Amino acid sequence: MIAKISKGKDTRKLIAYLYGPGRANEHTDPHLVASWDGFAPDPGRDHNVKQAKEQLVQALDLRVKQAGDRAPALHVWHCSVRASPEDRILSDDDWAAIARRVVTATGIAPDGDPDGCRWIAVRHAEDHIHIAATKVRGDLRPARIWNDYLTADNELAAIETQYGLHEVERGDRTAAKRPTRAETEKAQRTGRRLTARERLRTTVRTAVSAATTPQEFIGFLSRTDGILVEVLHFPSGDVRGYKVALKDDTNATGEPVWFSGSILAPDLSFPKIQERLAATEPPPTHQHDGRRGPNPWHQATAAAERIPTLLERDDDHAAQAHLAAFGEALDALPLIAPAAIRPQLTRAAQAFERATRSRIHAEHHHARALRGAVKTMLRQPATADGAALAMFLDAAVLIVMAAARWHDLRHHDQQVTATRQSLIHLHAAYEQAAAAPLAALARHQPPAHTVQRHAQQIRTYVSQHAEKVIADPAWPALTAALATAEATGHDPQRLLQQAVSERALDDARSPAQVLTWRISRRSQRPAPSARALAAQTRTTTTSLAPTSTHTETAAPRRLDPPAGPVRRH
């Protein structure tokens, strides 16, 4: 069940709506199911509807008039309670009992309080009721209904359990505001899939993902086609905030419909954006000696691959920061990805947006590396290729699965749902992005004797998944990646050990593809020198010695999706 609460100042107008035909003639048989004393007039059952409506308004407003100037300006309290589509049809008696519990829980009419507010519950459809009340008590004091939405929602959660109804995913009050009915209807009339609010939210999040400073953020928005931006200032001249509008979205008077950042989403207020941009590693300066700097795609992938392990640690504030930075990475990808997969990436980012926030405060400095690498990617588009994108998306799928697990353990129901929706689109984008690079690698499969040698290495170092890897359609691509790495001076055995120890392969649909991308990325680094190899060997030997006092890091546990057999590519 979902409650929606609003305040108003016109009791007569609300009663006219409740007993009227509705905006689209959707109201059928409007009638009273409960009231403050059980004897309120019911226009739905009175032959003189107009007179009954007036009597009902007068009865509800009686104490408001008696209180005079002491009455709240917005004295009307309106709460709609809607059942889920899959719920059974409740009787009038059921709805009456639910209404009484809601007005008791919210403080409108506490149980046993003779001075509770006057209220009614009207039913004009099978799946919901409307509770209308006036917020003046019998002692003429205003009702104490602070935090009424939360108390109503908690009561509805208990009602769902007791009545055997569908248990709605409860939010933590960090979700972006949903579009209003008017906004949704306007989008439908203009043939848009998304409302103006949703389109602007995506645009602003994309600008945040690309910018390195607040000034750059405002500049990106100002240069975006179809967007109006207004910057707000303090008397001192400092920026106080901003608001945005679509040029083609106007109100009845032809004026743009403006949205502030905080209205679009809690983390899009100007102070929140400043906080995130301050926690960004600056893009590397251009090298004039002709040397190539590190590939930002590989840096971003390396930073992203660490996120699942970081989510398993006890630092929730750092974990939330990494999820926020990863969300920015998803927001940025459509800017530089091939046109064919941009729709899937955009929808993946839009879905994951809900998973980037919770009541846990994000300490953004923990995610400086990923955020900086992503912004460098955008400034060096020449470094992008199909393999680099597929490599990053391969890591992204694992991150989203780990995020689902992290949120599930903390009972963040809406965020878990968001990760599952995002995962669907990421899988689709990955399949499209990976097809051509994997095929190109497979065309360079080494001779049969080399393949057999790599197969033996797989059976030795990836024993748990060996047969699945060798039978995988991506096996030719993996052998080609191993052969290429060996040709550039790398040790295939050591690369396999590193790739397997980096993250368990239990959740992978295709362990061969996962290993292909991990080895391909590592093989593009310079091969370690003999001295470095000797040092690594000594370190490994010491860490594995029985008498060593070194405490080996425990292998990360398997991150199963929170529900259902969600598997990676």
Protein backbone atom coordinates (compact mmCIF):
# COMPACT_ATOMS: atom_id res chain seq x y z
CA MET A 1 0.00 0.00 0.00
CA ILE A 2 1.14 3.50 -0.78
CA ALA A 3 0.07 6.71 0.96
CA LYS A 4 0.19 10.12 -0.65
CA ILE A 5 -0.35 13.13 1.62
CA SER A 6 -0.97 16.74 0.72
CA LYS A 7 -2.12 19.90 2.49
CA GLY A 8 -4.63 22.49 1.32
CA LYS A 9 -6.92 25.35 2.35
CA ASP A 10 -10.19 24.63 0.55
CA THR A 11 -12.33 21.87 2.07
CA ARG A 12 -15.18 22.48 -0.38
CA LYS A 13 -12.92 21.99 -3.40
CA LEU A 14 -11.57 18.68 -2.04
CA ILE A 15 -15.08 17.34 -1.31
CA ALA A 16 -16.19 18.34 -4.81
CA TYR A 17 -13.29 16.35 -6.26
CA LEU A 18 -13.86 13.27 -4.10
CA TYR A 19 -17.54 13.07 -5.01
CA GLY A 20 -17.09 14.24 -8.59
CA PRO A 21 -16.42 12.26 -11.78
CA GLY A 22 -12.63 12.60 -11.54
CA ARG A 23 -10.21 14.06 -14.06
CA ALA A 24 -10.91 11.28 -16.57
CA ASN A 25 -14.30 10.02 -15.36
CA GLU A 26 -12.50 7.38 -13.33
CA HIS A 27 -14.56 7.85 -10.15
CA THR A 28 -17.28 5.22 -9.74
CA ASP A 29 -19.82 5.05 -6.92
CA PRO A 30 -18.15 7.54 -4.54
CA HIS A 31 -19.33 6.93 -0.99
CA LEU A 32 -18.29 7.25 2.62
CA VAL A 33 -16.73 4.23 4.33
CA ALA A 34 -15.81 5.85 7.67
CA SER A 35 -15.85 9.19 9.49
CA TRP A 36 -14.81 10.76 12.79
CA ASP A 37 -18.09 9.87 14.54
CA GLY A 38 -19.76 7.44 12.11
CA PHE A 39 -22.61 9.89 11.40
CA ALA A 40 -21.15 12.29 8.85
CA PRO A 41 -23.33 13.16 5.83
CA ASP A 42 -22.62 10.99 2.78
CA PRO A 43 -23.31 12.74 -0.54
CA GLY A 44 -22.80 9.41 -2.29
CA ARG A 45 -25.86 7.92 -0.59
CA ASP A 46 -28.05 11.00 -0.28
CA HIS A 47 -30.67 11.80 -2.91
CA ASN A 48 -29.86 15.51 -2.52
CA VAL A 49 -26.16 15.37 -3.38
CA LYS A 50 -25.58 19.11 -3.44
CA GLN A 51 -27.10 19.66 -0.01
CA ALA A 52 -25.24 16.69 1.48
CA LYS A 53 -21.93 18.02 0.13
CA GLU A 54 -22.56 21.41 1.74
CA GLN A 55 -23.51 19.80 5.05
CA LEU A 56 -20.34 17.69 4.97
CA VAL A 57 -18.15 20.73 4.26
CA GLN A 58 -19.76 22.69 7.09
CA ALA A 59 -19.28 19.79 9.52
CA LEU A 60 -15.61 19.34 8.61
CA ASP A 61 -14.91 23.09 8.80
CA LEU A 62 -16.76 23.71 12.07
CA ARG A 63 -13.68 23.77 14.30
CA VAL A 64 -11.66 25.69 11.72
CA LYS A 65 -14.20 28.51 11.90
CA GLN A 66 -14.30 28.33 15.68
CA ALA A 67 -10.51 28.61 15.88
CA GLY A 68 -10.49 31.66 13.62
CA ASP A 69 -6.98 33.12 13.25
CA ARG A 70 -5.53 30.28 15.31
CA ALA A 71 -6.39 27.75 12.60
CA PRO A 72 -3.52 26.70 10.27
CA ALA A 73 -3.48 28.47 6.93
CA LEU A 74 -3.38 25.07 5.20
CA HIS A 75 -6.03 23.47 7.36
CA VAL A 76 -7.02 20.64 4.97
CA TRP A 77 -5.21 17.29 5.28
CA HIS A 78 -5.65 14.89 2.37
CA CYS A 79 -4.26 11.34 2.33
CA SER A 80 -4.90 8.83 -0.43
CA VAL A 81 -4.20 5.18 0.35
CA ARG A 82 -3.80 2.87 -2.63
CA ALA A 83 -3.50 -0.91 -2.71
CA SER A 84 -1.11 -2.70 -5.06
CA PRO A 85 -2.54 -3.99 -8.36
CA GLU A 86 -1.97 -7.62 -7.29
CA ASP A 87 -3.87 -7.22 -4.02
CA ARG A 88 -7.33 -8.71 -3.53
CA ILE A 89 -10.28 -6.31 -3.55
CA LEU A 90 -10.90 -5.07 -0.03
CA SER A 91 -14.36 -4.53 1.39
CA ASP A 92 -15.72 -1.21 2.67
CA ASP A 93 -15.28 -2.52 6.22
CA ASP A 94 -11.64 -3.32 5.48
CA TRP A 95 -11.02 0.16 4.11
CA ALA A 96 -12.83 1.72 7.08
CA ALA A 97 -10.54 -0.12 9.51
CA ILE A 98 -7.48 0.91 7.49
CA ALA A 99 -8.57 4.56 7.48
CA ARG A 100 -9.00 4.53 11.28
CA ARG A 101 -5.54 3.09 11.73
CA VAL A 102 -4.01 5.74 9.47
CA VAL A 103 -5.65 8.72 11.22
CA THR A 104 -4.65 7.21 14.58
CA ALA A 105 -1.03 6.64 13.56
CA THR A 106 -0.56 10.08 12.01
CA GLY A 107 -2.07 11.99 14.96
CA ILE A 108 -5.13 13.25 13.08
CA ALA A 109 -7.42 11.37 15.46
CA PRO A 110 -5.46 9.44 18.11
CA ASP A 111 -7.26 6.42 19.49
CA GLY A 112 -9.36 7.32 22.53
CA ASP A 113 -8.85 11.08 22.08
CA PRO A 114 -12.27 12.83 22.17
CA ASP A 115 -10.69 15.99 20.76
CA GLY A 116 -9.28 14.35 17.64
CA CYS A 117 -9.69 16.10 14.30
CA ARG A 118 -12.74 15.61 12.13
CA TRP A 119 -12.13 13.32 9.18
CA ILE A 120 -13.85 11.20 6.55
CA ALA A 121 -12.77 8.33 4.30
CA VAL A 122 -14.23 8.24 0.77
CA ARG A 123 -14.05 5.33 -1.64
CA HIS A 124 -14.67 5.91 -5.33
CA ALA A 125 -12.65 3.02 -6.79
CA GLU A 126 -11.91 -0.59 -5.88
CA ASP A 127 -8.23 -0.09 -5.12
CA HIS A 128 -8.01 3.07 -3.00
CA ILE A 129 -9.59 5.49 -0.58
CA HIS A 130 -9.17 9.17 0.22
CA ILE A 131 -9.00 10.45 3.77
CA ALA A 132 -9.95 14.12 4.18
CA ALA A 133 -9.53 15.90 7.50
CA THR A 134 -9.37 19.40 8.93
CA LYS A 135 -6.36 20.01 11.17
CA VAL A 136 -8.07 21.67 14.13
CA ARG A 137 -8.78 19.59 17.22
CA GLY A 138 -11.80 19.77 19.48
CA ASP A 139 -9.82 21.93 21.93
CA LEU A 140 -9.16 24.26 18.96
CA ARG A 141 -5.46 23.55 18.90
CA PRO A 142 -3.69 22.55 15.66
CA ALA A 143 -3.15 18.81 15.25
CA ARG A 144 0.34 17.50 16.00
CA ILE A 145 1.03 15.56 12.81
CA TRP A 146 4.75 16.07 12.32
CA ASN A 147 6.30 13.38 10.09
CA ASP A 148 2.85 12.20 9.07
CA TYR A 149 4.02 10.57 5.86
CA LEU A 150 6.54 8.36 7.65
CA THR A 151 4.09 7.34 10.38
CA ALA A 152 1.41 6.56 7.78
CA ASP A 153 3.88 4.53 5.74
CA ASN A 154 4.98 2.54 8.78
CA GLU A 155 1.36 1.78 9.64
CA LEU A 156 0.65 0.65 6.08
CA ALA A 157 3.62 -1.71 6.25
CA ALA A 158 2.04 -3.34 9.31
CA ILE A 159 -1.35 -3.46 7.59
CA GLU A 160 0.15 -5.23 4.57
CA THR A 161 1.51 -7.97 6.81
CA GLN A 162 -1.65 -8.38 8.84
CA TYR A 163 -3.99 -8.40 5.84
CA GLY A 164 -1.75 -10.62 3.73
CA LEU A 165 -1.29 -7.93 1.05
CA HIS A 166 1.63 -7.25 -1.25
CA GLU A 167 4.48 -5.75 0.77
CA VAL A 168 5.61 -2.61 -1.01
CA GLU A 169 9.31 -1.75 -1.12
CA ARG A 170 9.82 0.95 1.46
CA GLY A 171 12.08 3.83 0.60
CA ASP A 172 14.51 5.67 2.85
CA ARG A 173 13.40 9.14 1.74
CA THR A 174 16.46 9.64 -0.46
CA ALA A 175 14.72 8.90 -3.75
CA ALA A 176 14.27 11.60 -6.35
CA LYS A 177 10.77 13.02 -6.46
CA ARG A 178 8.45 11.28 -8.85
CA PRO A 179 6.85 13.19 -11.71
CA THR A 180 3.45 14.63 -10.92
CA ARG A 181 0.37 13.43 -12.71
CA ALA A 182 0.27 16.65 -14.72
CA GLU A 183 3.88 16.20 -15.81
CA THR A 184 3.23 12.61 -16.87
CA GLU A 185 0.13 13.57 -18.85
CA LYS A 186 2.03 16.41 -20.57
CA ALA A 187 4.77 13.97 -21.61
CA GLN A 188 2.18 11.57 -23.00
CA ARG A 189 0.49 14.35 -24.99
CA THR A 190 3.81 15.33 -26.55
CA GLY A 191 4.84 11.74 -27.29
CA ARG A 192 7.73 11.70 -24.80
CA ARG A 193 8.76 8.58 -22.88
CA LEU A 194 10.14 10.69 -20.04
CA THR A 195 8.77 13.78 -18.33
CA ALA A 196 10.61 17.10 -18.34
CA ARG A 197 11.71 16.45 -14.76
CA GLU A 198 13.27 13.09 -15.70
CA ARG A 199 14.95 14.43 -18.84
CA LEU A 200 16.48 17.32 -16.92
CA ARG A 201 17.67 14.97 -14.16
CA THR A 202 19.55 12.88 -16.72
CA THR A 203 21.04 15.98 -18.34
CA VAL A 204 22.25 17.43 -15.05
CA ARG A 205 23.73 14.11 -13.90
CA THR A 206 25.60 13.83 -17.19
CA ALA A 207 27.00 17.33 -16.75
CA VAL A 208 28.18 16.45 -13.24
CA SER A 209 29.92 13.33 -14.54
CA ALA A 210 31.84 15.37 -17.12
CA ALA A 211 32.73 18.47 -15.09
CA THR A 212 35.78 18.96 -12.89
CA THR A 213 34.72 22.29 -11.34
CA PRO A 214 31.39 23.98 -10.51
CA GLN A 215 32.09 26.57 -13.21
CA GLU A 216 32.62 23.83 -15.76
CA PHE A 217 29.40 22.15 -14.64
CA ILE A 218 27.40 25.34 -15.27
CA GLY A 219 29.19 25.78 -18.59
CA PHE A 220 28.27 22.28 -19.75
CA LEU A 221 24.60 22.88 -18.91
CA SER A 222 24.59 26.25 -20.66
CA ARG A 223 25.97 24.71 -23.86
CA THR A 224 23.48 21.81 -23.90
CA ASP A 225 20.90 22.14 -26.67
CA GLY A 226 17.36 22.76 -25.52
CA ILE A 227 18.33 23.61 -21.93
CA LEU A 228 17.81 26.90 -20.09
CA VAL A 229 20.00 27.60 -17.06
CA GLU A 230 19.70 30.29 -14.43
CA VAL A 231 22.42 30.69 -11.81
CA LEU A 232 21.38 32.08 -8.43
CA HIS A 233 23.76 34.20 -6.33
CA PHE A 234 24.13 35.34 -2.75
CA PRO A 235 24.40 39.11 -2.13
CA SER A 236 28.15 38.56 -1.92
CA GLY A 237 28.18 37.35 -5.50
CA ASP A 238 28.93 33.71 -4.65
CA VAL A 239 26.85 31.08 -6.40
CA ARG A 240 23.94 29.97 -4.24
CA GLY A 241 22.38 27.47 -6.62
CA TYR A 242 20.95 26.93 -10.06
CA LYS A 243 17.76 25.99 -11.82
CA VAL A 244 17.13 24.47 -15.22
CA ALA A 245 14.27 24.18 -17.67
CA LEU A 246 13.58 22.74 -21.09
CA LYS A 247 13.01 25.30 -23.82
CA ASP A 248 10.02 23.34 -25.10
CA ASP A 249 8.41 22.91 -21.66
CA THR A 250 6.26 25.90 -20.72
CA ASN A 251 3.33 26.54 -18.42
CA ALA A 252 -0.08 27.98 -19.28
CA THR A 253 1.32 31.50 -19.53
CA GLY A 254 4.17 30.45 -21.82
CA GLU A 255 6.85 30.72 -19.14
CA PRO A 256 9.51 27.98 -18.76
CA VAL A 257 8.88 25.39 -16.06
CA TRP A 258 11.95 25.63 -13.83
CA PHE A 259 13.42 22.93 -11.59
CA SER A 260 16.10 23.52 -8.99
CA GLY A 261 18.79 20.89 -8.59
CA SER A 262 17.51 19.73 -5.21
CA ILE A 263 14.03 19.24 -6.69
CA LEU A 264 15.48 17.00 -9.42
CA ALA A 265 17.31 14.80 -6.89
CA PRO A 266 18.72 15.17 -3.37
CA ASP A 267 22.32 14.87 -4.60
CA LEU A 268 21.93 17.44 -7.40
CA SER A 269 21.76 20.53 -5.21
CA PHE A 270 24.63 22.91 -5.89
CA PRO A 271 26.36 22.31 -2.50
CA LYS A 272 26.19 18.52 -3.04
CA ILE A 273 27.66 18.87 -6.53
CA GLN A 274 30.45 21.10 -5.20
CA GLU A 275 31.26 18.47 -2.59
CA ARG A 276 31.60 15.74 -5.20
CA LEU A 277 33.63 17.81 -7.66
CA ALA A 278 36.04 18.77 -4.91
CA ALA A 279 36.76 15.06 -4.40
CA THR A 280 38.13 14.46 -7.90
CA GLU A 281 41.66 13.75 -8.97
CA PRO A 282 42.64 16.43 -11.50
CA PRO A 283 43.09 15.19 -15.08
CA PRO A 284 46.77 14.58 -15.93
CA THR A 285 48.61 17.38 -17.66
CA HIS A 286 49.64 16.91 -21.29
CA GLN A 287 53.08 15.33 -21.69
CA HIS A 288 55.34 17.21 -24.08
CA ASP A 289 58.10 14.61 -24.31
CA GLY A 290 56.15 12.41 -26.70
CA ARG A 291 55.50 9.66 -24.18
CA ARG A 292 52.03 8.25 -23.92
CA GLY A 293 50.37 8.61 -20.53
CA PRO A 294 48.38 5.80 -18.91
CA ASN A 295 45.20 4.82 -20.71
CA PRO A 296 42.32 6.38 -18.72
CA TRP A 297 40.01 3.49 -19.69
CA HIS A 298 42.40 1.04 -18.08
CA GLN A 299 42.73 3.30 -15.04
CA ALA A 300 38.96 3.58 -14.71
CA THR A 301 38.55 -0.18 -15.09
CA ALA A 302 41.25 -0.85 -12.51
CA ALA A 303 39.59 1.54 -10.04
CA ALA A 304 36.16 0.05 -10.75
CA GLU A 305 37.32 -3.54 -10.33
CA ARG A 306 38.25 -2.77 -6.72
CA ILE A 307 34.73 -1.66 -5.80
CA PRO A 308 33.22 -5.12 -5.09
CA THR A 309 36.02 -5.85 -2.62
CA LEU A 310 35.68 -2.42 -1.04
CA LEU A 311 31.96 -2.98 -0.57
CA GLU A 312 32.72 -5.97 1.62
CA ARG A 313 34.64 -3.88 4.14
CA ASP A 314 33.09 -2.31 7.20
CA ASP A 315 33.35 1.31 6.00
CA ASP A 316 29.83 2.09 4.78
CA HIS A 317 30.62 5.77 4.17
CA ALA A 318 33.42 4.84 1.78
CA ALA A 319 31.23 2.19 0.12
CA GLN A 320 28.47 4.72 -0.51
CA ALA A 321 31.04 7.06 -2.05
CA HIS A 322 32.26 4.38 -4.45
CA LEU A 323 28.69 3.64 -5.54
CA ALA A 324 28.08 7.35 -6.17
CA ALA A 325 31.26 7.62 -8.25
CA PHE A 326 30.35 4.50 -10.20
CA GLY A 327 26.95 6.03 -10.90
CA GLU A 328 28.74 9.05 -12.37
CA ALA A 329 30.76 6.70 -14.58
CA LEU A 330 27.56 5.18 -15.93
CA ASP A 331 26.18 8.69 -16.53
CA ALA A 332 29.29 9.54 -18.57
CA LEU A 333 29.42 6.43 -20.77
CA PRO A 334 26.68 7.48 -23.26
CA LEU A 335 28.79 10.53 -24.15
CA ILE A 336 31.59 8.40 -25.60
CA ALA A 337 30.01 5.04 -26.39
CA PRO A 338 28.97 3.95 -29.90
CA ALA A 339 25.51 5.15 -30.88
CA ALA A 340 24.14 1.60 -31.06
CA ILE A 341 24.48 0.96 -27.34
CA ARG A 342 23.80 4.44 -25.99
CA PRO A 343 20.10 3.77 -25.29
CA GLN A 344 20.93 0.72 -23.14
CA LEU A 345 23.69 2.59 -21.31
CA THR A 346 21.42 5.57 -20.69
CA ARG A 347 18.71 3.35 -19.22
CA ALA A 348 21.26 1.49 -17.12
CA ALA A 349 22.47 4.81 -15.69
CA GLN A 350 18.94 6.08 -15.11
CA ALA A 351 18.04 2.91 -13.21
CA PHE A 352 21.24 2.83 -11.15
CA GLU A 353 20.74 6.46 -10.12
CA ARG A 354 18.48 5.28 -7.29
CA ALA A 355 21.24 2.97 -6.01
CA THR A 356 23.76 5.81 -5.67
CA ARG A 357 22.04 7.26 -2.59
CA SER A 358 20.91 6.04 0.81
CA ARG A 359 20.71 7.44 4.32
CA ILE A 360 24.41 6.60 4.65
CA HIS A 361 26.50 9.71 4.08
CA ALA A 362 29.04 9.29 1.30
CA GLU A 363 32.61 10.39 2.05
CA HIS A 364 33.45 11.22 -1.55
CA HIS A 365 37.22 11.54 -1.14
CA HIS A 366 37.43 7.73 -1.06
CA ALA A 367 36.42 7.57 -4.75
CA ARG A 368 38.77 10.21 -6.17
CA ALA A 369 40.59 7.77 -8.46
CA LEU A 370 37.55 6.47 -10.35
CA ARG A 371 35.96 9.89 -10.66
CA GLY A 372 39.18 11.39 -11.99
CA ALA A 373 39.78 8.57 -14.48
CA VAL A 374 36.25 8.90 -15.88
CA LYS A 375 36.66 12.62 -16.45
CA THR A 376 39.98 11.96 -18.18
CA MET A 377 38.28 9.38 -20.42
CA LEU A 378 35.88 12.07 -21.59
CA ARG A 379 38.77 14.41 -22.40
CA GLN A 380 40.74 11.78 -24.32
CA PRO A 381 38.16 10.15 -26.60
CA ALA A 382 40.92 8.84 -28.84
CA THR A 383 41.82 6.32 -26.14
CA ALA A 384 38.43 4.64 -26.45
CA ASP A 385 38.00 1.45 -28.45
CA GLY A 386 35.61 -1.47 -28.46
CA ALA A 387 37.81 -3.63 -26.25
CA ALA A 388 38.28 -0.87 -23.65
CA LEU A 389 34.54 -0.29 -23.45
CA ALA A 390 33.77 -4.01 -23.20
CA MET A 391 36.44 -4.35 -20.51
CA PHE A 392 34.85 -1.57 -18.44
CA LEU A 393 31.32 -2.95 -18.89
CA ASP A 394 32.58 -6.38 -17.83
CA ALA A 395 33.67 -4.82 -14.54
CA ALA A 396 30.48 -2.75 -14.34
CA VAL A 397 28.27 -5.84 -14.37
CA LEU A 398 30.12 -7.24 -11.37
CA ILE A 399 29.91 -3.91 -9.55
CA VAL A 400 26.15 -3.72 -9.98
CA MET A 401 25.75 -7.25 -8.65
CA ALA A 402 27.93 -6.37 -5.66
CA ALA A 403 25.90 -3.18 -5.13
CA ALA A 404 22.71 -5.23 -5.06
CA ARG A 405 24.19 -7.44 -2.37
CA TRP A 406 25.45 -4.44 -0.35
CA HIS A 407 22.07 -2.69 -0.42
CA ASP A 408 20.19 -5.92 0.29
CA LEU A 409 22.20 -6.53 3.46
CA ARG A 410 21.18 -3.04 4.63
CA HIS A 411 17.50 -3.49 3.67
CA HIS A 412 17.60 -0.78 1.01
CA ASP A 413 14.72 -2.27 -0.95
CA GLN A 414 14.33 0.41 -3.61
CA GLN A 415 18.05 0.45 -4.29
CA VAL A 416 18.10 -3.33 -4.73
CA THR A 417 15.33 -3.09 -7.31
CA ALA A 418 17.25 -0.32 -9.08
CA THR A 419 20.38 -2.46 -9.36
CA ARG A 420 18.41 -5.33 -10.88
CA GLN A 421 16.87 -3.03 -13.47
CA SER A 422 20.25 -1.54 -14.27
CA LEU A 423 21.79 -4.98 -14.61
CA ILE A 424 19.36 -5.92 -17.39
CA HIS A 425 20.45 -2.95 -19.51
CA LEU A 426 24.14 -3.39 -18.69
CA HIS A 427 24.03 -7.02 -19.80
CA ALA A 428 22.47 -5.97 -23.11
CA ALA A 429 25.04 -3.20 -23.61
CA TYR A 430 27.91 -5.53 -22.78
CA GLU A 431 26.78 -8.20 -25.23
CA GLN A 432 26.70 -5.61 -28.01
CA ALA A 433 30.01 -4.02 -27.05
CA ALA A 434 31.93 -7.26 -26.54
CA ALA A 435 30.92 -9.15 -29.67
CA ALA A 436 33.31 -7.48 -32.13
CA PRO A 437 36.42 -7.31 -29.85
CA LEU A 438 36.02 -10.96 -28.84
CA ALA A 439 35.65 -12.00 -32.47
CA ALA A 440 38.75 -9.98 -33.41
CA LEU A 441 40.76 -11.67 -30.67
CA ALA A 442 39.51 -15.12 -31.66
CA ARG A 443 40.83 -14.62 -35.21
CA HIS A 444 44.34 -14.58 -33.71
CA GLN A 445 44.03 -17.86 -31.85
CA PRO A 446 47.51 -19.42 -31.50
CA PRO A 447 48.56 -22.84 -32.90
CA ALA A 448 47.08 -26.01 -31.40
CA HIS A 449 50.13 -26.86 -29.29
CA THR A 450 50.02 -23.40 -27.68
CA VAL A 451 46.30 -23.78 -27.05
CA GLN A 452 46.94 -27.09 -25.31
CA ARG A 453 49.60 -25.50 -23.13
CA HIS A 454 47.23 -22.71 -22.12
CA ALA A 455 44.53 -25.31 -21.42
CA GLN A 456 46.88 -27.04 -19.00
CA GLN A 457 47.59 -23.71 -17.32
CA ILE A 458 43.86 -23.13 -16.96
CA ARG A 459 43.40 -26.57 -15.38
CA THR A 460 46.17 -25.75 -12.94
CA TYR A 461 45.31 -22.21 -11.93
CA VAL A 462 41.55 -22.06 -12.61
CA SER A 463 40.79 -25.64 -11.66
CA GLN A 464 37.30 -24.99 -10.29
CA HIS A 465 36.10 -23.52 -13.59
CA ALA A 466 38.58 -25.10 -15.99
CA GLU A 467 36.24 -27.24 -18.08
CA LYS A 468 33.65 -24.49 -18.30
CA VAL A 469 36.32 -22.04 -19.47
CA ILE A 470 37.74 -24.40 -22.10
CA ALA A 471 34.25 -25.22 -23.45
CA ASP A 472 33.25 -21.56 -23.54
CA PRO A 473 32.74 -19.94 -26.98
CA ALA A 474 35.12 -17.24 -25.77
CA TRP A 475 37.95 -19.78 -25.29
CA PRO A 476 39.65 -18.87 -28.61
CA ALA A 477 39.68 -15.21 -27.56
CA LEU A 478 41.17 -16.11 -24.17
CA THR A 479 43.96 -18.19 -25.73
CA ALA A 480 44.72 -15.32 -28.10
CA ALA A 481 44.90 -12.91 -25.15
CA LEU A 482 47.28 -15.25 -23.32
CA ALA A 483 49.44 -15.68 -26.41
CA THR A 484 49.59 -11.93 -26.99
CA ALA A 485 50.58 -11.35 -23.38
CA GLU A 486 53.32 -13.98 -23.64
CA ALA A 487 54.65 -12.40 -26.84
CA THR A 488 55.04 -9.06 -25.05
CA GLY A 489 57.11 -10.57 -22.26
CA HIS A 490 54.44 -11.46 -19.70
CA ASP A 491 54.19 -14.78 -17.92
CA PRO A 492 50.76 -16.30 -18.74
CA GLN A 493 50.78 -18.36 -15.55
CA ARG A 494 51.39 -15.30 -13.40
CA LEU A 495 48.71 -13.34 -15.25
CA LEU A 496 46.21 -16.15 -14.69
CA GLN A 497 47.05 -16.27 -11.00
CA GLN A 498 46.55 -12.53 -10.73
CA ALA A 499 43.31 -12.57 -12.71
CA VAL A 500 41.80 -15.35 -10.60
CA SER A 501 42.91 -13.93 -7.26
CA GLU A 502 41.49 -10.54 -8.15
CA ARG A 503 37.90 -11.72 -7.94
CA ALA A 504 36.02 -15.00 -7.72
CA LEU A 505 34.47 -16.26 -10.95
CA ASP A 506 31.48 -17.95 -9.31
CA ASP A 507 28.97 -15.34 -10.52
CA ALA A 508 30.22 -15.24 -14.10
CA ARG A 509 28.10 -16.48 -16.94
CA SER A 510 31.27 -16.68 -18.99
CA PRO A 511 34.44 -17.05 -16.91
CA ALA A 512 36.40 -17.15 -20.17
CA GLN A 513 35.24 -13.66 -21.09
CA VAL A 514 36.03 -12.34 -17.63
CA LEU A 515 39.56 -13.78 -17.80
CA THR A 516 40.03 -12.47 -21.34
CA TRP A 517 39.41 -8.87 -20.30
CA ARG A 518 41.47 -9.09 -17.12
CA ILE A 519 44.44 -10.57 -18.94
CA SER A 520 44.10 -8.17 -21.88
CA ARG A 521 44.21 -5.18 -19.59
CA ARG A 522 47.22 -6.45 -17.63
CA SER A 523 49.12 -7.42 -20.73
CA GLN A 524 49.02 -3.83 -21.98
CA ARG A 525 51.18 -2.78 -19.05
CA PRO A 526 54.95 -3.10 -19.45
CA ALA A 527 56.15 -6.61 -18.61
CA PRO A 528 57.87 -6.74 -15.20
CA SER A 529 61.69 -6.84 -15.18
CA ALA A 530 63.64 -9.85 -13.91
CA ARG A 531 64.37 -7.99 -10.67
CA ALA A 532 60.67 -7.20 -10.16
CA LEU A 533 59.75 -10.82 -10.85
CA ALA A 534 62.30 -12.01 -8.31
CA ALA A 535 60.89 -9.62 -5.71
CA GLN A 536 57.33 -10.79 -6.44
CA THR A 537 58.45 -14.40 -6.13
CA ARG A 538 60.08 -13.76 -2.74
CA THR A 539 56.93 -11.98 -1.52
CA THR A 540 54.69 -14.82 -2.68
CA THR A 541 56.95 -17.46 -1.13
CA THR A 542 57.06 -15.61 2.18
CA SER A 543 53.31 -15.13 2.30
CA LEU A 544 52.70 -18.82 1.67
CA ALA A 545 55.34 -20.15 4.08
CA PRO A 546 53.80 -22.19 6.92
CA THR A 547 55.83 -20.43 9.61
CA SER A 548 55.10 -16.95 8.34
CA THR A 549 53.43 -14.44 10.60
CA HIS A 550 51.92 -12.72 7.58
CA THR A 551 48.11 -12.79 7.69
CA GLU A 552 46.79 -13.55 4.25
CA THR A 553 43.75 -11.62 3.18
CA ALA A 554 40.69 -13.83 3.24
CA ALA A 555 39.25 -14.71 -0.12
CA PRO A 556 36.20 -12.54 -0.81
CA ARG A 557 32.95 -14.34 -0.42
CA ARG A 558 30.72 -15.01 -3.34
CA LEU A 559 28.42 -12.11 -4.09
CA ASP A 560 25.22 -13.81 -5.07
CA PRO A 561 22.47 -11.52 -6.31
CA PRO A 562 19.92 -10.86 -3.56
CA ALA A 563 17.16 -12.72 -5.35
CA GLY A 564 16.97 -14.95 -8.38
CA PRO A 565 19.78 -16.52 -10.36
CA VAL A 566 21.15 -13.28 -11.82
CA ARG A 567 24.32 -14.25 -13.64
CA ARG A 568 26.96 -12.29 -15.40
CA HIS A 569 27.56 -12.43 -19.12
